[in-house]
Amino acid sequence: MDLFTINQIRSNPNLYSYLRENSTWYKYLNRNRANLKSLDEEMKKKYKLTPEDKIEKFSRSIDLISTFMDVLN
């Protein structure tokens, strides 16, 4: 694995921990640095860091606040 890939992985704690949990990715990263993007996308899906997940979380928070407001009224 080249130094650029190693630095990218170590600079992102989520990516680093995901790679340690799923060690098969080492093989793909050793073959081709372009697989780093695929690894990042898969990590975001697993840890629910995609924009869709963030919007869903925000809407659930709004719903919860709305429910509390309805109970108080």
N, C-alpha and C. Protein backbone atom coordinates (compact mmCIF):
# COMPACT_ATOMS: atom_id res chain seq x y z
N MET A 1 0.84 -1.16 0.00
CA MET A 1 0.00 0.00 0.00
C MET A 1 0.90 1.24 0.00
N ASP A 2 0.54 2.25 -0.79
CA ASP A 2 1.39 3.44 -0.86
C ASP A 2 1.11 4.39 0.30
N LEU A 3 2.00 5.35 0.49
CA LEU A 3 1.92 6.25 1.63
C LEU A 3 0.69 7.15 1.58
N PHE A 4 0.28 7.55 0.39
CA PHE A 4 -0.92 8.39 0.27
C PHE A 4 -2.14 7.67 0.83
N THR A 5 -2.30 6.41 0.46
CA THR A 5 -3.44 5.62 0.94
C THR A 5 -3.38 5.44 2.45
N ILE A 6 -2.22 5.15 2.97
CA ILE A 6 -2.06 4.97 4.41
C ILE A 6 -2.40 6.26 5.16
N ASN A 7 -1.94 7.40 4.65
CA ASN A 7 -2.24 8.67 5.29
C ASN A 7 -3.73 9.00 5.24
N GLN A 8 -4.38 8.68 4.13
CA GLN A 8 -5.82 8.92 4.02
C GLN A 8 -6.58 8.08 5.04
N ILE A 9 -6.18 6.86 5.20
CA ILE A 9 -6.86 5.96 6.14
C ILE A 9 -6.63 6.40 7.58
N ARG A 10 -5.42 6.73 7.91
CA ARG A 10 -5.10 7.13 9.29
C ARG A 10 -5.67 8.49 9.67
N SER A 11 -5.92 9.33 8.69
CA SER A 11 -6.48 10.65 8.99
C SER A 11 -7.98 10.60 9.28
N ASN A 12 -8.62 9.49 8.94
CA ASN A 12 -10.05 9.33 9.18
C ASN A 12 -10.26 8.19 10.18
N PRO A 13 -10.59 8.50 11.43
CA PRO A 13 -10.72 7.44 12.45
C PRO A 13 -11.80 6.40 12.12
N ASN A 14 -12.90 6.84 11.52
CA ASN A 14 -13.96 5.89 11.16
C ASN A 14 -13.47 4.92 10.09
N LEU A 15 -12.78 5.44 9.12
CA LEU A 15 -12.25 4.60 8.05
C LEU A 15 -11.23 3.61 8.59
N TYR A 16 -10.38 4.10 9.48
CA TYR A 16 -9.35 3.25 10.08
C TYR A 16 -9.98 2.11 10.89
N SER A 17 -10.97 2.40 11.69
CA SER A 17 -11.60 1.34 12.49
C SER A 17 -12.39 0.37 11.60
N TYR A 18 -13.03 0.89 10.54
CA TYR A 18 -13.76 0.01 9.63
C TYR A 18 -12.80 -0.94 8.92
N LEU A 19 -11.65 -0.43 8.52
CA LEU A 19 -10.65 -1.27 7.85
C LEU A 19 -10.13 -2.34 8.80
N ARG A 20 -9.96 -2.01 10.06
CA ARG A 20 -9.50 -3.01 11.03
C ARG A 20 -10.56 -4.09 11.26
N GLU A 21 -11.83 -3.71 11.19
CA GLU A 21 -12.91 -4.68 11.36
C GLU A 21 -13.08 -5.57 10.13
N ASN A 22 -12.80 -5.03 8.96
CA ASN A 22 -12.98 -5.75 7.69
C ASN A 22 -11.65 -5.82 6.96
N SER A 23 -10.81 -6.72 7.41
CA SER A 23 -9.44 -6.78 6.91
C SER A 23 -9.32 -7.25 5.46
N THR A 24 -10.38 -7.74 4.86
CA THR A 24 -10.29 -8.14 3.45
C THR A 24 -10.03 -6.95 2.54
N TRP A 25 -10.33 -5.76 3.01
CA TRP A 25 -10.10 -4.56 2.22
C TRP A 25 -8.62 -4.29 2.02
N TYR A 26 -7.76 -4.79 2.89
CA TYR A 26 -6.31 -4.60 2.70
C TYR A 26 -5.86 -5.14 1.35
N LYS A 27 -6.40 -6.28 0.99
CA LYS A 27 -6.03 -6.91 -0.27
C LYS A 27 -6.40 -6.01 -1.45
N TYR A 28 -7.61 -5.44 -1.42
CA TYR A 28 -8.05 -4.58 -2.52
C TYR A 28 -7.27 -3.27 -2.57
N LEU A 29 -6.94 -2.74 -1.41
CA LEU A 29 -6.18 -1.48 -1.37
C LEU A 29 -4.74 -1.70 -1.82
N ASN A 30 -4.17 -2.85 -1.55
CA ASN A 30 -2.82 -3.15 -2.02
C ASN A 30 -2.77 -3.27 -3.53
N ARG A 31 -3.85 -3.77 -4.12
CA ARG A 31 -3.88 -3.94 -5.57
C ARG A 31 -4.10 -2.62 -6.30
N ASN A 32 -5.00 -1.77 -5.76
CA ASN A 32 -5.35 -0.56 -6.47
C ASN A 32 -5.80 0.51 -5.48
N ARG A 33 -5.18 1.67 -5.56
CA ARG A 33 -5.50 2.76 -4.65
C ARG A 33 -6.91 3.29 -4.90
N ALA A 34 -7.46 3.12 -6.09
CA ALA A 34 -8.80 3.62 -6.43
C ALA A 34 -9.88 2.94 -5.58
N ASN A 35 -9.57 1.79 -5.00
CA ASN A 35 -10.55 1.11 -4.15
C ASN A 35 -10.79 1.84 -2.83
N LEU A 36 -10.00 2.85 -2.55
CA LEU A 36 -10.18 3.64 -1.33
C LEU A 36 -11.54 4.33 -1.34
N LYS A 37 -11.98 4.77 -2.50
CA LYS A 37 -13.29 5.42 -2.62
C LYS A 37 -14.40 4.43 -2.30
N SER A 38 -14.30 3.21 -2.79
CA SER A 38 -15.30 2.18 -2.51
C SER A 38 -15.32 1.84 -1.02
N LEU A 39 -14.15 1.77 -0.43
CA LEU A 39 -14.05 1.51 1.00
C LEU A 39 -14.73 2.62 1.80
N ASP A 40 -14.49 3.85 1.40
CA ASP A 40 -15.09 4.99 2.09
C ASP A 40 -16.62 4.95 1.98
N GLU A 41 -17.14 4.64 0.80
CA GLU A 41 -18.59 4.56 0.61
C GLU A 41 -19.21 3.46 1.46
N GLU A 42 -18.55 2.31 1.51
CA GLU A 42 -19.07 1.20 2.30
C GLU A 42 -19.03 1.52 3.80
N MET A 43 -17.97 2.19 4.23
CA MET A 43 -17.86 2.59 5.63
C MET A 43 -18.98 3.56 6.01
N LYS A 44 -19.26 4.51 5.13
CA LYS A 44 -20.32 5.48 5.41
C LYS A 44 -21.69 4.80 5.48
N LYS A 45 -21.91 3.79 4.66
CA LYS A 45 -23.18 3.05 4.73
C LYS A 45 -23.29 2.29 6.04
N LYS A 46 -22.21 1.66 6.47
CA LYS A 46 -22.27 0.88 7.69
C LYS A 46 -22.44 1.75 8.92
N TYR A 47 -21.72 2.86 8.98
CA TYR A 47 -21.79 3.75 10.14
C TYR A 47 -22.88 4.80 10.02
N LYS A 48 -23.66 4.71 8.94
CA LYS A 48 -24.78 5.62 8.69
C LYS A 48 -24.33 7.08 8.69
N LEU A 49 -23.38 7.38 7.84
CA LEU A 49 -22.85 8.72 7.70
C LEU A 49 -23.20 9.35 6.35
N THR A 50 -24.06 8.70 5.60
CA THR A 50 -24.45 9.24 4.30
C THR A 50 -25.41 10.41 4.51
N PRO A 51 -25.55 11.29 3.53
CA PRO A 51 -26.48 12.41 3.67
C PRO A 51 -27.93 11.96 3.93
N GLU A 52 -28.33 10.87 3.30
CA GLU A 52 -29.68 10.36 3.52
C GLU A 52 -29.89 9.95 4.98
N ASP A 53 -28.89 9.31 5.55
CA ASP A 53 -28.98 8.90 6.96
C ASP A 53 -29.04 10.11 7.88
N LYS A 54 -28.27 11.14 7.57
CA LYS A 54 -28.28 12.33 8.40
C LYS A 54 -29.62 13.04 8.33
N ILE A 55 -30.21 13.08 7.15
CA ILE A 55 -31.54 13.70 6.99
C ILE A 55 -32.58 12.90 7.76
N GLU A 56 -32.51 11.59 7.67
CA GLU A 56 -33.45 10.73 8.39
C GLU A 56 -33.32 10.93 9.90
N LYS A 57 -32.11 11.01 10.39
CA LYS A 57 -31.88 11.22 11.81
C LYS A 57 -32.45 12.58 12.25
N PHE A 58 -32.23 13.59 11.44
CA PHE A 58 -32.74 14.92 11.74
C PHE A 58 -34.27 14.92 11.77
N SER A 59 -34.89 14.25 10.80
CA SER A 59 -36.36 14.22 10.77
C SER A 59 -36.92 13.46 11.96
N ARG A 60 -36.24 12.40 12.40
CA ARG A 60 -36.68 11.69 13.60
C ARG A 60 -36.58 12.58 14.83
N SER A 61 -35.55 13.40 14.89
CA SER A 61 -35.41 14.33 16.00
C SER A 61 -36.53 15.36 15.99
N ILE A 62 -36.87 15.86 14.83
CA ILE A 62 -37.97 16.81 14.71
C ILE A 62 -39.28 16.16 15.13
N ASP A 63 -39.51 14.93 14.71
CA ASP A 63 -40.72 14.21 15.11
C ASP A 63 -40.80 14.01 16.61
N LEU A 64 -39.68 13.70 17.22
CA LEU A 64 -39.64 13.51 18.67
C LEU A 64 -39.97 14.81 19.40
N ILE A 65 -39.40 15.91 18.95
CA ILE A 65 -39.68 17.21 19.56
C ILE A 65 -41.15 17.58 19.37
N SER A 66 -41.66 17.30 18.20
CA SER A 66 -43.07 17.58 17.92
C SER A 66 -43.98 16.78 18.84
N THR A 67 -43.64 15.53 19.06
CA THR A 67 -44.43 14.69 19.96
C THR A 67 -44.41 15.23 21.38
N PHE A 68 -43.25 15.65 21.85
CA PHE A 68 -43.16 16.23 23.18
C PHE A 68 -43.98 17.51 23.29
N MET A 69 -43.96 18.31 22.25
CA MET A 69 -44.74 19.55 22.27
C MET A 69 -46.24 19.25 22.30
N ASP A 70 -46.66 18.22 21.59
CA ASP A 70 -48.07 17.83 21.60
C ASP A 70 -48.50 17.33 22.99
N VAL A 71 -47.62 16.61 23.66
CA VAL A 71 -47.93 16.11 24.99
C VAL A 71 -48.04 17.26 25.99
N LEU A 72 -47.19 18.25 25.85
CA LEU A 72 -47.21 19.37 26.78
C LEU A 72 -48.43 20.29 26.58
N ASN A 73 -48.98 20.30 25.40
CA ASN A 73 -50.15 21.15 25.12
C ASN A 73 -51.39 20.46 25.47
